[in-house]
Amino acid sequence: MPAIKFVLSILLLIVIASFAVQNMGSVEISYYDLRLQLHTLELPLMVVLVIPLILGFLIAWFMGLLDRFKLKSTIRQQKRALSTMEDELERLKNTPQLPAQAESSNDY
């Protein structure tokens, strides 16, 4: 299995490198800074394409991380509630019943 992952990684790197070589043309990017002054920056097209991809990946990863923390918190709360209920059930099983209650509980 590690060999397959390695081969797939190499193939992916080849595809990415090929894409990068084919898209090395420069493009102008115009943006405003914090003082609302217009600036122009010249970058390779590959960089312009990869930066939003990486930012999107990081945002999605962070959102997934938040969801995971929420789920872990919910699981922790449910385990605590389950433990409390199991303790109460055990306590109720061990409490002695009055004779009248014992007869009525066996009349099913």
Foldseek 3Di string as FASTA:
>chain_A
DVVVVVVVVVVVVVVLVVVCVVQQDKDKDWDADPVRDIDIDIGTPSVVVVVVVVVVVVVVVVVVVVVVVVVVVVVVVVVVVVVVVVVVVVVVVPDDDDPVVVVVVPPD
